[in-house]
Amino acid sequence: MAREHIVEQGECLGAIASKYGFGDPRLLYDHPDNAELKRMRPDPNVLFPGDRVVVPDVVGKTVSARTGSSHVFKVQRAQRVLRLRVLGPDGKALGGARYSLEFTSASRVEGQTGADGAIEHPVPPGSPEARLEVSGYRMRLRFGYLNPLRETPDDGVSGAQARLQNLGYVVPQVTGTLDDATRVALATFQADNDLPVDGELTEQTISKLEEVHGC
């Protein structure tokens, strides 16, 4: 029998699917009973706490095999991938910089950013966060904590605050409240991107935040 999962902070659809035994989160996202969720959340990796996900029954698969022989079965599982760009204080990409990523699963990888400051690496299963060190900077990365900007109880404020923080604007905390510090950060972002400066989370500002941040 299908059940309902209530999204908690830090959960993405991939983590939810894995929890219930689904290797591919699209099996949940594309399910007819989740049509409204899919409409509200065009990116399945960006959910809001309290969103409802219908989890259908897992359908088993029968495979015929000859006894007395060894057989290899491969299970395809969707993989989460970390993609980000690292910019310096001047807003320019830190291209060709050596970096290290340490995941909570205890795995550690090293590499070099692309010319545009890009880093791309698979996220090991069971890793909710990672530590990034690059060019003398240290950052804590939390996966699944970015909230949507549209159709949320807080009118997209927490999603805007997190994106502004990621882009280097001064927002002390992600609270979901449009306080004075957030208004100043929004106004600065608007001025930097040739938008009308009013410190409000307008539709034009939301669209530009999505464009500049990347999601």
Protein backbone atom coordinates (compact mmCIF):
# COMPACT_ATOMS: atom_id res chain seq x y z
CA MET A 1 0.00 0.00 0.00
CA ALA A 2 1.32 3.46 -0.91
CA ARG A 3 2.42 5.64 1.98
CA GLU A 4 3.11 9.34 2.44
CA HIS A 5 6.46 10.82 3.41
CA ILE A 6 6.68 14.31 4.93
CA VAL A 7 9.89 16.04 3.85
CA GLU A 8 12.27 17.14 6.60
CA GLN A 9 14.98 19.78 6.32
CA GLY A 10 18.00 18.39 4.48
CA GLU A 11 16.09 15.75 2.49
CA CYS A 12 16.12 15.55 -1.29
CA LEU A 13 14.13 13.12 -3.40
CA GLY A 14 17.16 10.88 -3.94
CA ALA A 15 17.60 10.35 -0.20
CA ILE A 16 13.88 9.70 0.24
CA ALA A 17 13.84 7.18 -2.61
CA SER A 18 16.84 5.35 -1.17
CA LYS A 19 15.18 5.21 2.26
CA TYR A 20 12.22 3.30 0.82
CA GLY A 21 14.21 0.96 -1.40
CA PHE A 22 14.03 2.80 -4.74
CA GLY A 23 17.25 3.03 -6.72
CA ASP A 24 15.89 5.75 -9.02
CA PRO A 25 14.14 8.81 -7.50
CA ARG A 26 12.36 9.38 -10.82
CA LEU A 27 10.11 6.45 -9.89
CA LEU A 28 8.73 8.68 -7.14
CA TYR A 29 8.97 12.01 -8.95
CA ASP A 30 7.16 10.76 -12.08
CA HIS A 31 4.48 8.83 -10.18
CA PRO A 32 0.97 10.18 -10.98
CA ASP A 33 0.22 10.64 -7.27
CA ASN A 34 3.14 13.10 -7.06
CA ALA A 35 1.99 15.28 -9.96
CA GLU A 36 1.31 18.24 -7.67
CA LEU A 37 4.73 17.91 -6.03
CA LYS A 38 6.35 17.81 -9.46
CA ARG A 39 4.47 20.97 -10.47
CA MET A 40 5.56 22.84 -7.34
CA ARG A 41 9.13 21.53 -7.28
CA PRO A 42 10.57 21.50 -10.82
CA ASP A 43 13.91 20.51 -9.27
CA PRO A 44 13.51 17.27 -7.25
CA ASN A 45 16.70 18.11 -5.37
CA VAL A 46 15.18 21.29 -3.92
CA LEU A 47 12.29 20.42 -1.59
CA PHE A 48 10.73 22.33 1.29
CA PRO A 49 10.19 20.88 4.79
CA GLY A 50 6.58 19.76 4.99
CA ASP A 51 6.27 18.82 1.31
CA ARG A 52 4.39 15.55 0.88
CA VAL A 53 5.80 12.72 -1.22
CA VAL A 54 3.65 9.70 -2.06
CA VAL A 55 5.75 6.54 -1.88
CA PRO A 56 4.25 3.68 -3.92
CA ASP A 57 4.86 0.03 -3.19
CA VAL A 58 8.15 -1.39 -4.40
CA VAL A 59 7.46 -3.67 -7.34
CA GLY A 60 9.67 -6.75 -7.41
CA LYS A 61 11.29 -8.13 -10.52
CA THR A 62 11.57 -11.82 -11.38
CA VAL A 63 14.62 -13.09 -13.27
CA SER A 64 15.06 -16.61 -14.59
CA ALA A 65 18.44 -18.22 -14.01
CA ARG A 66 19.88 -21.71 -14.39
CA THR A 67 20.83 -23.59 -11.24
CA GLY A 68 24.36 -24.85 -10.76
CA SER A 69 25.85 -21.73 -12.36
CA SER A 70 27.11 -18.36 -11.15
CA HIS A 71 25.24 -15.27 -12.29
CA VAL A 72 25.99 -11.55 -12.04
CA PHE A 73 23.14 -9.08 -11.54
CA LYS A 74 23.76 -5.36 -11.85
CA VAL A 75 21.47 -2.88 -10.12
CA GLN A 76 21.40 0.63 -11.54
CA ARG A 77 21.14 3.34 -8.90
CA ALA A 78 20.87 7.06 -9.44
CA GLN A 79 23.90 8.93 -8.12
CA ARG A 80 23.95 12.35 -6.52
CA VAL A 81 26.54 14.70 -7.97
CA LEU A 82 27.99 17.80 -6.34
CA ARG A 83 28.36 20.69 -8.79
CA LEU A 84 29.55 24.14 -7.73
CA ARG A 85 31.69 27.08 -8.78
CA VAL A 86 34.21 28.69 -6.47
CA LEU A 87 34.64 32.46 -6.73
CA GLY A 88 37.16 34.65 -4.95
CA PRO A 89 36.34 37.79 -2.92
CA ASP A 90 36.56 39.82 -6.13
CA GLY A 91 33.83 37.70 -7.72
CA LYS A 92 36.23 36.11 -10.20
CA ALA A 93 36.43 32.34 -10.66
CA LEU A 94 39.18 30.50 -8.81
CA GLY A 95 40.26 28.54 -11.87
CA GLY A 96 42.97 25.89 -11.66
CA ALA A 97 42.96 25.89 -7.85
CA ARG A 98 43.82 22.74 -5.90
CA TYR A 99 41.04 21.58 -3.59
CA SER A 100 40.17 18.77 -1.23
CA LEU A 101 36.73 17.41 -0.37
CA GLU A 102 36.16 15.39 2.77
CA PHE A 103 32.77 13.71 3.02
CA THR A 104 31.13 12.57 6.26
CA SER A 105 31.44 9.00 5.00
CA ALA A 106 35.18 9.51 5.73
CA SER A 107 36.16 9.50 2.06
CA ARG A 108 38.47 12.26 0.89
CA VAL A 109 39.18 13.37 -2.66
CA GLU A 110 41.50 15.95 -4.15
CA GLY A 111 41.36 17.72 -7.46
CA GLN A 112 41.71 20.96 -9.35
CA THR A 113 38.94 23.44 -10.21
CA GLY A 114 38.10 24.06 -13.84
CA ALA A 115 38.90 27.30 -15.61
CA ASP A 116 35.53 28.66 -14.48
CA GLY A 117 36.11 27.56 -10.86
CA ALA A 118 33.88 24.53 -11.28
CA ILE A 119 34.00 21.43 -9.10
CA GLU A 120 32.04 18.31 -9.95
CA HIS A 121 32.17 15.11 -7.95
CA PRO A 122 29.81 12.23 -7.06
CA VAL A 123 28.46 12.32 -3.50
CA PRO A 124 29.05 9.03 -1.66
CA PRO A 125 25.85 7.40 -0.32
CA GLY A 126 25.08 8.38 3.25
CA SER A 127 27.01 11.67 3.16
CA PRO A 128 24.79 14.58 4.25
CA GLU A 129 27.65 17.07 4.11
CA ALA A 130 31.29 17.67 3.20
CA ARG A 131 34.19 19.98 4.01
CA LEU A 132 35.77 21.85 1.12
CA GLU A 133 39.23 23.40 1.28
CA VAL A 134 40.36 25.50 -1.67
CA SER A 135 42.92 28.32 -1.98
CA GLY A 136 43.12 28.75 1.79
CA TYR A 137 39.34 28.88 2.24
CA ARG A 138 37.36 26.32 4.21
CA MET A 139 33.67 25.74 3.64
CA ARG A 140 31.05 23.40 5.04
CA LEU A 141 28.73 22.02 2.38
CA ARG A 142 25.35 20.64 3.43
CA PHE A 143 23.47 18.62 0.82
CA GLY A 144 19.70 18.99 0.48
CA TYR A 145 19.39 22.07 2.70
CA LEU A 146 18.67 24.58 -0.06
CA ASN A 147 14.98 25.56 0.07
CA PRO A 148 12.82 26.51 -2.94
CA LEU A 149 12.07 30.12 -3.83
CA ARG A 150 8.47 29.62 -4.88
CA GLU A 151 5.29 28.23 -3.30
CA THR A 152 6.64 27.99 0.23
CA PRO A 153 5.08 28.99 3.57
CA ASP A 154 7.82 31.61 4.08
CA ASP A 155 7.33 33.11 0.59
CA GLY A 156 10.77 31.93 -0.52
CA VAL A 157 12.68 33.93 2.10
CA SER A 158 14.77 31.04 3.50
CA GLY A 159 15.66 29.97 -0.04
CA ALA A 160 16.73 33.52 -0.89
CA GLN A 161 18.77 33.86 2.30
CA ALA A 162 20.70 30.66 1.59
CA ARG A 163 21.42 31.65 -1.99
CA LEU A 164 22.55 35.13 -0.95
CA GLN A 165 24.90 33.56 1.61
CA ASN A 166 26.31 31.21 -1.04
CA LEU A 167 26.92 34.19 -3.33
CA GLY A 168 28.86 36.05 -0.64
CA TYR A 169 26.23 38.51 0.57
CA VAL A 170 25.96 39.19 4.29
CA VAL A 171 23.02 37.26 5.72
CA PRO A 172 23.86 36.18 9.30
CA GLN A 173 21.31 33.35 9.49
CA VAL A 174 18.77 31.50 7.39
CA THR A 175 15.63 32.24 9.40
CA GLY A 176 12.84 32.48 6.83
CA THR A 177 12.12 36.03 8.05
CA LEU A 178 12.63 39.05 5.80
CA ASP A 179 14.63 41.03 8.37
CA ASP A 180 16.71 44.17 7.90
CA ALA A 181 19.92 42.27 7.13
CA THR A 182 18.17 40.26 4.43
CA ARG A 183 16.65 43.38 2.89
CA VAL A 184 20.09 45.00 2.73
CA ALA A 185 21.54 41.88 1.10
CA LEU A 186 18.68 41.78 -1.40
CA ALA A 187 19.13 45.47 -2.21
CA THR A 188 22.87 44.95 -2.75
CA PHE A 189 22.20 41.95 -4.99
CA GLN A 190 19.65 43.96 -6.95
CA ALA A 191 22.10 46.83 -7.43
CA ASP A 192 24.83 44.41 -8.54
CA ASN A 193 22.52 42.94 -11.16
CA ASP A 194 20.89 46.12 -12.53
CA LEU A 195 17.49 45.42 -10.94
CA PRO A 196 15.15 47.91 -9.29
CA VAL A 197 16.54 48.39 -5.78
CA ASP A 198 13.85 47.97 -3.14
CA GLY A 199 15.12 45.20 -0.85
CA GLU A 200 12.04 43.08 -1.63
CA LEU A 201 11.92 39.52 -2.87
CA THR A 202 10.20 40.34 -6.15
CA GLU A 203 9.61 37.86 -8.96
CA GLN A 204 12.31 39.60 -10.99
CA THR A 205 14.74 39.23 -8.09
CA ILE A 206 13.82 35.56 -7.61
CA SER A 207 14.47 34.83 -11.29
CA LYS A 208 17.85 36.58 -11.18
CA LEU A 209 18.80 34.74 -7.97
CA GLU A 210 18.05 31.43 -9.67
CA GLU A 211 20.07 32.45 -12.72
CA VAL A 212 23.13 33.70 -10.83
CA HIS A 213 23.11 30.95 -8.19
CA GLY A 214 22.44 28.20 -10.73
CA CYS A 215 19.25 26.82 -9.21
